[in-house]
Amino acid sequence: MDTTLRAVALVCTLKPSPDPSSSEVMARQVLDELATHGVEGDVVRVVDYDVRPGVVADMGDGDQWPEILERIKRADVLVFSTPTWLGHMSSIAQRALERLDAELSDTDDQGRPAMFGKTAVVAVVGNEDGAHKIIADSFQALDDIGFTIPAQGGTYWNNEAMNPVDYKDLEETPQAVASTTKTLAANAAHLARLLTANSYPGA
């Protein structure tokens, strides 16, 4: 653990601050576990920013995505956290992925897309089914963009369908979720260090 790494958690809740968010609770739990492996991190609640729809890095006219993008570029690990709505990731999560797509054309002097060498993990919460599909869809998109996914790089909590209990209101984290998050963080930190020391080959 001789190198301090950086993480940023994109929390894609539909609730603006300061409303409590289960997605943020889980994202912070992931960051706490990453911290035990020498990875410092912070949270970006995307809905608090004016992120315009589009597929370029800067849509202009007050678009605040570039601020978020700079924080992602400075990080070694991306924590992508979203609630489940109607069986899918939130619209905010989908927009963030669409904006990240522009990074495929932002390449370094060896022709590697900007997100090559960065690790990504996914966290999902919800009161309905959908977490597995959301994780699969997120993994596919993040991989396309250039992130690398560690083994068991997804963690989630699904409550009983049509039950009003939220993750943020639980008295304690379920053991299965805590164990999965612990493994996710260990593998993400390990992979991030490997990629930091050994970059992907140039184009």
Protein backbone atom coordinates (compact mmCIF):
# COMPACT_ATOMS: atom_id res chain seq x y z
CA MET A 1 0.00 0.00 0.00
CA ASP A 2 2.81 2.40 -0.89
CA THR A 3 0.79 4.54 -3.26
CA THR A 4 -2.24 6.61 -2.30
CA LEU A 5 -4.93 6.34 -4.93
CA ARG A 6 -7.98 8.54 -5.54
CA ALA A 7 -11.60 7.53 -5.97
CA VAL A 8 -14.68 9.51 -6.91
CA ALA A 9 -18.23 8.30 -6.40
CA LEU A 10 -20.83 9.44 -8.90
CA VAL A 11 -24.09 9.24 -6.98
CA CYS A 12 -26.94 9.17 -9.49
CA THR A 13 -29.89 9.60 -7.14
CA LEU A 14 -32.82 11.67 -8.39
CA LYS A 15 -32.89 13.53 -5.05
CA PRO A 16 -30.97 16.81 -4.85
CA SER A 17 -29.03 17.68 -1.69
CA PRO A 18 -29.68 17.82 1.20
CA ASP A 19 -32.33 15.09 0.84
CA PRO A 20 -31.13 11.75 2.24
CA SER A 21 -30.13 9.25 -0.44
CA SER A 22 -29.75 5.48 -0.19
CA SER A 23 -27.49 5.56 -3.25
CA GLU A 24 -25.18 7.96 -1.45
CA VAL A 25 -25.18 5.83 1.71
CA MET A 26 -24.02 2.82 -0.27
CA ALA A 27 -21.49 4.85 -2.26
CA ARG A 28 -19.97 6.15 0.97
CA GLN A 29 -19.79 2.60 2.33
CA VAL A 30 -17.80 1.62 -0.77
CA LEU A 31 -15.50 4.62 -0.25
CA ASP A 32 -15.04 3.68 3.42
CA GLU A 33 -13.93 0.20 2.41
CA LEU A 34 -11.63 1.60 -0.28
CA ALA A 35 -10.05 3.83 2.37
CA THR A 36 -8.90 0.71 4.25
CA HIS A 37 -6.79 -0.04 1.16
CA GLY A 38 -5.22 3.39 0.87
CA VAL A 39 -7.73 4.86 -1.56
CA GLU A 40 -8.98 8.37 -0.72
CA GLY A 41 -12.34 9.39 -2.15
CA ASP A 42 -15.19 11.84 -2.29
CA VAL A 43 -18.76 12.02 -3.55
CA VAL A 44 -20.36 13.88 -6.44
CA ARG A 45 -24.17 13.94 -6.37
CA VAL A 46 -24.74 14.45 -10.08
CA VAL A 47 -28.27 15.87 -9.76
CA ASP A 48 -26.84 18.87 -7.87
CA TYR A 49 -25.12 19.97 -11.07
CA ASP A 50 -26.52 21.30 -14.33
CA VAL A 51 -25.53 18.37 -16.55
CA ARG A 52 -26.90 18.86 -20.05
CA PRO A 53 -27.96 15.97 -22.29
CA GLY A 54 -25.43 15.26 -24.99
CA VAL A 55 -22.46 13.18 -26.04
CA VAL A 56 -19.62 15.71 -26.03
CA ALA A 57 -17.40 16.75 -23.12
CA ASP A 58 -18.78 20.29 -22.85
CA MET A 59 -22.23 21.28 -24.07
CA GLY A 60 -21.57 24.96 -23.25
CA ASP A 61 -24.13 27.47 -21.98
CA GLY A 62 -23.43 26.75 -18.31
CA ASP A 63 -23.07 22.97 -18.62
CA GLN A 64 -21.42 21.74 -15.41
CA TRP A 65 -20.43 18.29 -16.62
CA PRO A 66 -16.84 19.46 -17.28
CA GLU A 67 -16.42 20.04 -13.51
CA ILE A 68 -17.47 16.46 -12.79
CA LEU A 69 -15.36 15.13 -15.63
CA GLU A 70 -12.21 16.73 -14.21
CA ARG A 71 -12.78 14.96 -10.92
CA ILE A 72 -13.19 11.64 -12.74
CA LYS A 73 -9.98 12.25 -14.67
CA ARG A 74 -8.07 12.90 -11.44
CA ALA A 75 -9.36 9.66 -9.91
CA ASP A 76 -8.02 6.13 -10.25
CA VAL A 77 -11.31 4.48 -9.23
CA LEU A 78 -14.85 5.41 -10.25
CA VAL A 79 -17.70 4.31 -7.99
CA PHE A 80 -20.90 4.42 -10.05
CA SER A 81 -23.92 4.39 -7.72
CA THR A 82 -27.55 4.42 -8.84
CA PRO A 83 -31.02 3.66 -7.50
CA THR A 84 -33.41 1.33 -9.29
CA TRP A 85 -36.39 3.02 -10.93
CA LEU A 86 -38.93 0.96 -12.89
CA GLY A 87 -36.38 -1.83 -13.10
CA HIS A 88 -33.67 0.36 -14.63
CA MET A 89 -30.85 2.69 -13.58
CA SER A 90 -31.89 6.27 -12.93
CA SER A 91 -32.12 8.78 -15.78
CA ILE A 92 -29.25 10.66 -14.10
CA ALA A 93 -27.08 7.53 -14.31
CA GLN A 94 -27.92 7.07 -17.98
CA ARG A 95 -27.05 10.70 -18.69
CA ALA A 96 -23.69 10.38 -16.92
CA LEU A 97 -22.80 7.36 -19.05
CA GLU A 98 -23.86 9.19 -22.22
CA ARG A 99 -21.63 12.12 -21.31
CA LEU A 100 -18.71 9.80 -20.53
CA ASP A 101 -18.99 8.33 -24.02
CA ALA A 102 -17.21 11.44 -25.34
CA GLU A 103 -14.02 10.27 -23.60
CA LEU A 104 -13.50 7.59 -26.24
CA SER A 105 -12.26 10.30 -28.60
CA ASP A 106 -10.08 12.01 -25.96
CA THR A 107 -6.84 10.09 -26.39
CA ASP A 108 -3.30 10.41 -25.05
CA ASP A 109 -0.12 10.62 -27.12
CA GLN A 110 -0.17 6.83 -27.52
CA GLY A 111 -3.74 6.75 -28.78
CA ARG A 112 -5.32 5.41 -25.59
CA PRO A 113 -8.79 6.74 -24.63
CA ALA A 114 -8.83 8.95 -21.53
CA MET A 115 -10.39 6.34 -19.23
CA PHE A 116 -7.94 3.55 -20.06
CA GLY A 117 -6.12 2.63 -16.87
CA LYS A 118 -8.99 3.58 -14.57
CA THR A 119 -10.99 1.09 -12.52
CA ALA A 120 -14.79 1.23 -12.12
CA VAL A 121 -17.22 -0.46 -9.74
CA VAL A 122 -21.01 -0.28 -9.50
CA ALA A 123 -23.39 0.01 -6.53
CA VAL A 124 -27.18 -0.32 -6.84
CA VAL A 125 -30.04 0.06 -4.34
CA GLY A 126 -33.78 -0.35 -4.79
CA ASN A 127 -37.13 -1.57 -3.53
CA GLU A 128 -37.67 -3.68 -6.64
CA ASP A 129 -35.87 -6.16 -8.88
CA GLY A 130 -33.40 -4.87 -11.41
CA ALA A 131 -30.00 -4.68 -9.71
CA HIS A 132 -28.40 -7.49 -11.73
CA LYS A 133 -29.49 -5.98 -15.03
CA ILE A 134 -28.39 -2.49 -13.97
CA ILE A 135 -24.96 -3.79 -12.96
CA ALA A 136 -24.65 -5.68 -16.25
CA ASP A 137 -25.69 -2.63 -18.30
CA SER A 138 -23.34 -0.38 -16.33
CA PHE A 139 -20.42 -2.79 -16.68
CA GLN A 140 -20.93 -2.97 -20.44
CA ALA A 141 -21.09 0.81 -20.81
CA LEU A 142 -18.15 1.52 -18.51
CA ASP A 143 -16.05 -1.13 -20.27
CA ASP A 144 -16.88 0.38 -23.67
CA ILE A 145 -15.80 3.80 -22.40
CA GLY A 146 -12.46 2.36 -21.32
CA PHE A 147 -12.75 1.57 -17.61
CA THR A 148 -11.56 -1.78 -16.26
CA ILE A 149 -13.91 -3.78 -14.03
CA PRO A 150 -12.44 -5.86 -11.17
CA ALA A 151 -13.63 -9.33 -10.20
CA GLN A 152 -16.95 -9.05 -8.31
CA GLY A 153 -17.01 -5.32 -8.98
CA GLY A 154 -20.70 -4.86 -8.23
CA THR A 155 -22.56 -4.54 -4.93
CA TYR A 156 -26.29 -4.08 -4.40
CA TRP A 157 -29.27 -4.22 -2.08
CA ASN A 158 -32.81 -5.10 -3.17
CA ASN A 159 -35.61 -4.88 -0.67
CA GLU A 160 -38.77 -6.92 -0.88
CA ALA A 161 -40.86 -5.65 -3.80
CA MET A 162 -43.39 -2.92 -3.01
CA ASN A 163 -42.01 -2.54 0.51
CA PRO A 164 -41.38 1.09 1.59
CA VAL A 165 -38.18 0.39 3.58
CA ASP A 166 -35.14 2.20 2.13
CA TYR A 167 -31.50 1.17 2.44
CA LYS A 168 -30.65 4.42 4.21
CA ASP A 169 -33.18 3.57 6.94
CA LEU A 170 -31.76 0.16 7.84
CA GLU A 171 -30.42 -0.10 11.38
CA GLU A 172 -27.41 -2.05 10.15
CA THR A 173 -25.97 -3.11 6.84
CA PRO A 174 -26.96 -6.68 5.89
CA GLN A 175 -23.99 -9.02 6.27
CA ALA A 176 -24.17 -10.18 2.65
CA VAL A 177 -24.02 -6.59 1.39
CA ALA A 178 -21.16 -5.67 3.73
CA SER A 179 -19.17 -8.74 2.66
CA THR A 180 -19.74 -8.07 -1.03
CA THR A 181 -18.75 -4.42 -0.67
CA LYS A 182 -15.61 -5.43 1.23
CA THR A 183 -14.54 -7.79 -1.59
CA LEU A 184 -15.39 -5.19 -4.24
CA ALA A 185 -13.18 -2.59 -2.54
CA ALA A 186 -10.23 -4.94 -2.05
CA ASN A 187 -10.32 -6.07 -5.68
CA ALA A 188 -10.80 -2.52 -7.00
CA ALA A 189 -7.85 -1.17 -5.03
CA HIS A 190 -5.68 -4.10 -6.12
CA LEU A 191 -6.59 -3.64 -9.78
CA ALA A 192 -6.14 0.14 -9.64
CA ARG A 193 -2.61 -0.26 -8.32
CA LEU A 194 -1.74 -2.76 -11.03
CA LEU A 195 -3.05 -0.43 -13.74
CA THR A 196 -1.27 2.58 -12.25
CA ALA A 197 2.03 0.70 -12.36
CA ASN A 198 1.44 -0.99 -15.73
CA SER A 199 -0.50 0.95 -18.32
CA TYR A 200 -2.31 -0.64 -21.23
CA PRO A 201 -0.29 -0.69 -24.48
CA GLY A 202 -0.69 2.21 -26.88
CA ALA A 203 -2.73 2.00 -30.03
